[in-house]
Amino acid sequence: MEIEIRKANKADLPNLLSCFRELIAQNKEYQPYIYIPKKDALELHEKFLLKRMRSPKASVFIAEADGKFAGMVHCAINKVSRVLLTDKEGYVDTLFVDKKYRKKGIGLLLMKTALAWFKKKKMKICSLTVNVKNPGARNLYEKAGFRITILKMHKKLKV
């Protein structure tokens, strides 16, 4: 299987939105009381991705296996605390690999591509979030060198 990683373009939107459709369903399953998407969530994702593709502070990369869409990674530069020596960080917003291409090294290739992009942008640190109910993604991120540093917790409030 030949894997190619390249920058996404507008023609990739149908595949990207298919990823987000699956991620929306997964997040609704993992976090039913937190993750309640808007009715126009896919349209919002489309506008967001188009904006990110044009931004010098973000990038979207596509993985193709033998010419077919296999996955994507969206990475961005985010501002962090003003009191730290590093006032910005690389952030892996979304990494997705199609089910039929998982466990073939594509996720790690996408992550390496994102990390190389961050290094090119002179980022000294990179972060991401992963759902505790997604051990496959967590294992991938640990293989890529990420370590748990913060545990984010939620509580549903009655209002």
C-alpha atoms as a PDB file:
ATOM      1  CA  MET A   1       0.000   0.000   0.000  1.00  0.00           C
ATOM      2  CA  GLU A   2       1.389   3.379  -1.040  1.00  0.00           C
ATOM      3  CA  ILE A   3       0.646   6.231   1.392  1.00  0.00           C
ATOM      4  CA  GLU A   4       0.826   9.881   0.367  1.00  0.00           C
ATOM      5  CA  ILE A   5       0.388  12.806   2.770  1.00  0.00           C
ATOM      6  CA  ARG A   6      -0.475  16.172   1.237  1.00  0.00           C
ATOM      7  CA  LYS A   7      -2.093  19.482   2.111  1.00  0.00           C
ATOM      8  CA  ALA A   8      -5.862  19.488   1.843  1.00  0.00           C
ATOM      9  CA  ASN A   9      -7.687  21.633  -0.668  1.00  0.00           C
ATOM     10  CA  LYS A  10     -11.298  22.581  -1.373  1.00  0.00           C
ATOM     11  CA  ALA A  11     -11.846  19.418  -3.451  1.00  0.00           C
ATOM     12  CA  ASP A  12     -11.202  17.365  -0.278  1.00  0.00           C
ATOM     13  CA  LEU A  13     -14.194  18.840   1.562  1.00  0.00           C
ATOM     14  CA  PRO A  14     -16.568  15.905   0.917  1.00  0.00           C
ATOM     15  CA  ASN A  15     -14.066  13.481   2.491  1.00  0.00           C
ATOM     16  CA  LEU A  16     -13.286  15.861   5.345  1.00  0.00           C
ATOM     17  CA  LEU A  17     -16.965  16.360   6.107  1.00  0.00           C
ATOM     18  CA  SER A  18     -17.439  12.597   6.081  1.00  0.00           C
ATOM     19  CA  CYS A  19     -14.773  12.424   8.823  1.00  0.00           C
ATOM     20  CA  PHE A  20     -16.542  15.071  10.843  1.00  0.00           C
ATOM     21  CA  ARG A  21     -19.882  13.314  10.391  1.00  0.00           C
ATOM     22  CA  GLU A  22     -18.337  10.198  11.954  1.00  0.00           C
ATOM     23  CA  LEU A  23     -16.607  12.217  14.681  1.00  0.00           C
ATOM     24  CA  ILE A  24     -19.882  13.947  15.578  1.00  0.00           C
ATOM     25  CA  ALA A  25     -21.564  10.554  16.006  1.00  0.00           C
ATOM     26  CA  GLN A  26     -18.633   9.257  18.048  1.00  0.00           C
ATOM     27  CA  ASN A  27     -18.565  12.311  20.319  1.00  0.00           C
ATOM     28  CA  LYS A  28     -22.329  12.082  20.868  1.00  0.00           C
ATOM     29  CA  GLU A  29     -21.797   8.485  21.978  1.00  0.00           C
ATOM     30  CA  TYR A  30     -18.777   9.252  24.182  1.00  0.00           C
ATOM     31  CA  GLN A  31     -20.118  12.474  25.721  1.00  0.00           C
ATOM     32  CA  PRO A  32     -23.918  12.475  25.394  1.00  0.00           C
ATOM     33  CA  TYR A  33     -24.597  15.255  27.882  1.00  0.00           C
ATOM     34  CA  ILE A  34     -21.742  17.513  26.779  1.00  0.00           C
ATOM     35  CA  TYR A  35     -21.555  17.056  23.050  1.00  0.00           C
ATOM     36  CA  ILE A  36     -24.803  18.313  21.582  1.00  0.00           C
ATOM     37  CA  PRO A  37     -24.031  19.567  18.075  1.00  0.00           C
ATOM     38  CA  LYS A  38     -25.926  22.315  16.346  1.00  0.00           C
ATOM     39  CA  LYS A  39     -28.194  21.346  13.449  1.00  0.00           C
ATOM     40  CA  ASP A  40     -25.837  23.042  10.999  1.00  0.00           C
ATOM     41  CA  ALA A  41     -22.675  21.498  12.516  1.00  0.00           C
ATOM     42  CA  LEU A  42     -21.402  20.148   9.196  1.00  0.00           C
ATOM     43  CA  GLU A  43     -21.885  23.504   7.463  1.00  0.00           C
ATOM     44  CA  LEU A  44     -19.984  25.169  10.303  1.00  0.00           C
ATOM     45  CA  HIS A  45     -17.182  22.594   9.985  1.00  0.00           C
ATOM     46  CA  GLU A  46     -17.010  23.264   6.243  1.00  0.00           C
ATOM     47  CA  LYS A  47     -16.608  27.031   6.730  1.00  0.00           C
ATOM     48  CA  PHE A  48     -14.089  26.439   9.526  1.00  0.00           C
ATOM     49  CA  LEU A  49     -11.986  24.046   7.438  1.00  0.00           C
ATOM     50  CA  LEU A  50     -11.943  26.382   4.428  1.00  0.00           C
ATOM     51  CA  LYS A  51     -10.764  29.195   6.689  1.00  0.00           C
ATOM     52  CA  ARG A  52      -8.104  26.950   8.253  1.00  0.00           C
ATOM     53  CA  MET A  53      -6.823  25.833   4.839  1.00  0.00           C
ATOM     54  CA  ARG A  54      -6.088  29.486   4.006  1.00  0.00           C
ATOM     55  CA  SER A  55      -4.592  30.443   7.382  1.00  0.00           C
ATOM     56  CA  PRO A  56      -0.820  30.643   7.967  1.00  0.00           C
ATOM     57  CA  LYS A  57      -1.558  29.581  11.558  1.00  0.00           C
ATOM     58  CA  ALA A  58      -3.239  26.294  10.657  1.00  0.00           C
ATOM     59  CA  SER A  59      -3.017  23.441   8.210  1.00  0.00           C
ATOM     60  CA  VAL A  60      -5.060  20.429   7.170  1.00  0.00           C
ATOM     61  CA  PHE A  61      -3.265  17.388   5.776  1.00  0.00           C
ATOM     62  CA  ILE A  62      -4.793  14.430   3.945  1.00  0.00           C
ATOM     63  CA  ALA A  63      -3.555  10.841   3.869  1.00  0.00           C
ATOM     64  CA  GLU A  64      -4.257   8.845   0.736  1.00  0.00           C
ATOM     65  CA  ALA A  65      -3.688   5.101   0.455  1.00  0.00           C
ATOM     66  CA  ASP A  66      -3.273   3.977  -3.133  1.00  0.00           C
ATOM     67  CA  GLY A  67      -4.971   7.200  -4.235  1.00  0.00           C
ATOM     68  CA  LYS A  68      -7.983   6.834  -1.906  1.00  0.00           C
ATOM     69  CA  PHE A  69      -8.805   9.019   1.084  1.00  0.00           C
ATOM     70  CA  ALA A  70      -7.550   7.335   4.264  1.00  0.00           C
ATOM     71  CA  GLY A  71      -7.449  10.087   6.899  1.00  0.00           C
ATOM     72  CA  MET A  72      -6.693  13.637   7.888  1.00  0.00           C
ATOM     73  CA  VAL A  73      -5.091  15.814  10.537  1.00  0.00           C
ATOM     74  CA  HIS A  74      -5.931  19.421  11.348  1.00  0.00           C
ATOM     75  CA  CYS A  75      -3.250  21.323  13.243  1.00  0.00           C
ATOM     76  CA  ALA A  76      -3.143  24.913  14.420  1.00  0.00           C
ATOM     77  CA  ILE A  77      -1.104  27.405  16.396  1.00  0.00           C
ATOM     78  CA  ASN A  78      -2.936  28.549  19.512  1.00  0.00           C
ATOM     79  CA  LYS A  79      -2.180  31.259  22.030  1.00  0.00           C
ATOM     80  CA  VAL A  80      -1.589  30.126  25.604  1.00  0.00           C
ATOM     81  CA  SER A  81      -0.998  31.877  28.914  1.00  0.00           C
ATOM     82  CA  ARG A  82       0.661  35.293  28.774  1.00  0.00           C
ATOM     83  CA  VAL A  83       2.725  34.496  31.884  1.00  0.00           C
ATOM     84  CA  LEU A  84       4.622  31.576  30.366  1.00  0.00           C
ATOM     85  CA  LEU A  85       7.829  31.868  28.370  1.00  0.00           C
ATOM     86  CA  THR A  86       6.067  30.155  25.488  1.00  0.00           C
ATOM     87  CA  ASP A  87       2.984  32.205  24.582  1.00  0.00           C
ATOM     88  CA  LYS A  88       1.796  29.876  21.820  1.00  0.00           C
ATOM     89  CA  GLU A  89       1.711  26.172  21.127  1.00  0.00           C
ATOM     90  CA  GLY A  90       0.980  23.746  18.365  1.00  0.00           C
ATOM     91  CA  TYR A  91      -2.392  22.082  18.777  1.00  0.00           C
ATOM     92  CA  VAL A  92      -3.581  18.936  17.031  1.00  0.00           C
ATOM     93  CA  ASP A  93      -7.253  19.774  16.704  1.00  0.00           C
ATOM     94  CA  THR A  94      -8.410  16.658  14.859  1.00  0.00           C
ATOM     95  CA  LEU A  95      -6.773  13.464  13.684  1.00  0.00           C
ATOM     96  CA  PHE A  96      -8.946  10.925  11.892  1.00  0.00           C
ATOM     97  CA  VAL A  97      -8.186   7.676  10.074  1.00  0.00           C
ATOM     98  CA  ASP A  98     -10.892   5.830   8.158  1.00  0.00           C
ATOM     99  CA  LYS A  99     -11.753   2.509   9.851  1.00  0.00           C
ATOM    100  CA  LYS A 100     -10.513   0.368   6.967  1.00  0.00           C
ATOM    101  CA  TYR A 101      -7.068   2.007   7.175  1.00  0.00           C
ATOM    102  CA  ARG A 102      -6.534   1.884  10.944  1.00  0.00           C
ATOM    103  CA  LYS A 103      -3.633  -0.048  12.462  1.00  0.00           C
ATOM    104  CA  LYS A 104      -1.580   0.468   9.301  1.00  0.00           C
ATOM    105  CA  GLY A 105       0.626   3.366  10.492  1.00  0.00           C
ATOM    106  CA  ILE A 106      -1.360   6.111   8.760  1.00  0.00           C
ATOM    107  CA  GLY A 107      -2.295   7.869  12.008  1.00  0.00           C
ATOM    108  CA  LEU A 108       1.354   8.001  13.034  1.00  0.00           C
ATOM    109  CA  LEU A 109       2.337   9.356   9.595  1.00  0.00           C
ATOM    110  CA  LEU A 110      -0.305  12.077   9.904  1.00  0.00           C
ATOM    111  CA  MET A 111       0.925  12.934  13.408  1.00  0.00           C
ATOM    112  CA  LYS A 112       4.547  13.093  12.213  1.00  0.00           C
ATOM    113  CA  THR A 113       3.414  15.430   9.435  1.00  0.00           C
ATOM    114  CA  ALA A 114       1.673  17.703  11.951  1.00  0.00           C
ATOM    115  CA  LEU A 115       4.722  17.687  14.257  1.00  0.00           C
ATOM    116  CA  ALA A 116       7.030  18.556  11.340  1.00  0.00           C
ATOM    117  CA  TRP A 117       4.713  21.444  10.433  1.00  0.00           C
ATOM    118  CA  PHE A 118       4.843  22.692  14.043  1.00  0.00           C
ATOM    119  CA  LYS A 119       8.650  22.519  14.050  1.00  0.00           C
ATOM    120  CA  LYS A 120       8.743  24.485  10.795  1.00  0.00           C
ATOM    121  CA  LYS A 121       6.575  27.091  12.542  1.00  0.00           C
ATOM    122  CA  LYS A 122       9.066  27.153  15.476  1.00  0.00           C
ATOM    123  CA  MET A 123       6.606  25.751  18.030  1.00  0.00           C
ATOM    124  CA  LYS A 124       8.321  24.490  21.177  1.00  0.00           C
ATOM    125  CA  ILE A 125       5.372  22.528  22.505  1.00  0.00           C
ATOM    126  CA  CYS A 126       2.407  20.692  21.064  1.00  0.00           C
ATOM    127  CA  SER A 127      -0.800  19.537  22.743  1.00  0.00           C
ATOM    128  CA  LEU A 128      -4.041  17.756  21.953  1.00  0.00           C
ATOM    129  CA  THR A 129      -7.082  16.371  23.693  1.00  0.00           C
ATOM    130  CA  VAL A 130      -8.315  12.809  23.501  1.00  0.00           C
ATOM    131  CA  ASN A 131     -11.480  11.264  24.851  1.00  0.00           C
ATOM    132  CA  VAL A 132     -10.888   8.769  27.641  1.00  0.00           C
ATOM    133  CA  LYS A 133     -13.261   6.390  25.841  1.00  0.00           C
ATOM    134  CA  ASN A 134     -10.966   6.297  22.798  1.00  0.00           C
ATOM    135  CA  PRO A 135      -8.025   4.045  23.786  1.00  0.00           C
ATOM    136  CA  GLY A 136      -6.928   3.559  20.160  1.00  0.00           C
ATOM    137  CA  ALA A 137      -6.309   7.287  19.721  1.00  0.00           C
ATOM    138  CA  ARG A 138      -4.647   7.541  23.121  1.00  0.00           C
ATOM    139  CA  ASN A 139      -2.249   4.697  22.220  1.00  0.00           C
ATOM    140  CA  LEU A 140      -1.416   6.419  18.935  1.00  0.00           C
ATOM    141  CA  TYR A 141      -0.639   9.701  20.696  1.00  0.00           C
ATOM    142  CA  GLU A 142       1.515   7.958  23.290  1.00  0.00           C
ATOM    143  CA  LYS A 143       3.453   6.223  20.468  1.00  0.00           C
ATOM    144  CA  ALA A 144       4.027   9.698  19.014  1.00  0.00           C
ATOM    145  CA  GLY A 145       5.538  10.840  22.337  1.00  0.00           C
ATOM    146  CA  PHE A 146       2.602  12.619  23.980  1.00  0.00           C
ATOM    147  CA  ARG A 147       2.147  12.284  27.741  1.00  0.00           C
ATOM    148  CA  ILE A 148      -0.811  13.086  29.971  1.00  0.00           C
ATOM    149  CA  THR A 149      -0.228  16.390  31.760  1.00  0.00           C
ATOM    150  CA  ILE A 150      -3.761  17.616  32.503  1.00  0.00           C
ATOM    151  CA  LEU A 151      -6.987  15.806  33.188  1.00  0.00           C
ATOM    152  CA  LYS A 152     -10.033  17.819  32.114  1.00  0.00           C
ATOM    153  CA  MET A 153     -13.280  16.978  33.882  1.00  0.00           C
ATOM    154  CA  HIS A 154     -16.923  17.900  33.218  1.00  0.00           C
ATOM    155  CA  LYS A 155     -20.051  18.020  35.319  1.00  0.00           C
ATOM    156  CA  LYS A 156     -23.578  18.457  34.040  1.00  0.00           C
ATOM    157  CA  LEU A 157     -25.393  21.247  35.856  1.00  0.00           C
ATOM    158  CA  LYS A 158     -29.119  21.526  36.277  1.00  0.00           C
ATOM    159  CA  VAL A 159     -30.248  25.005  35.222  1.00  0.00           C
END
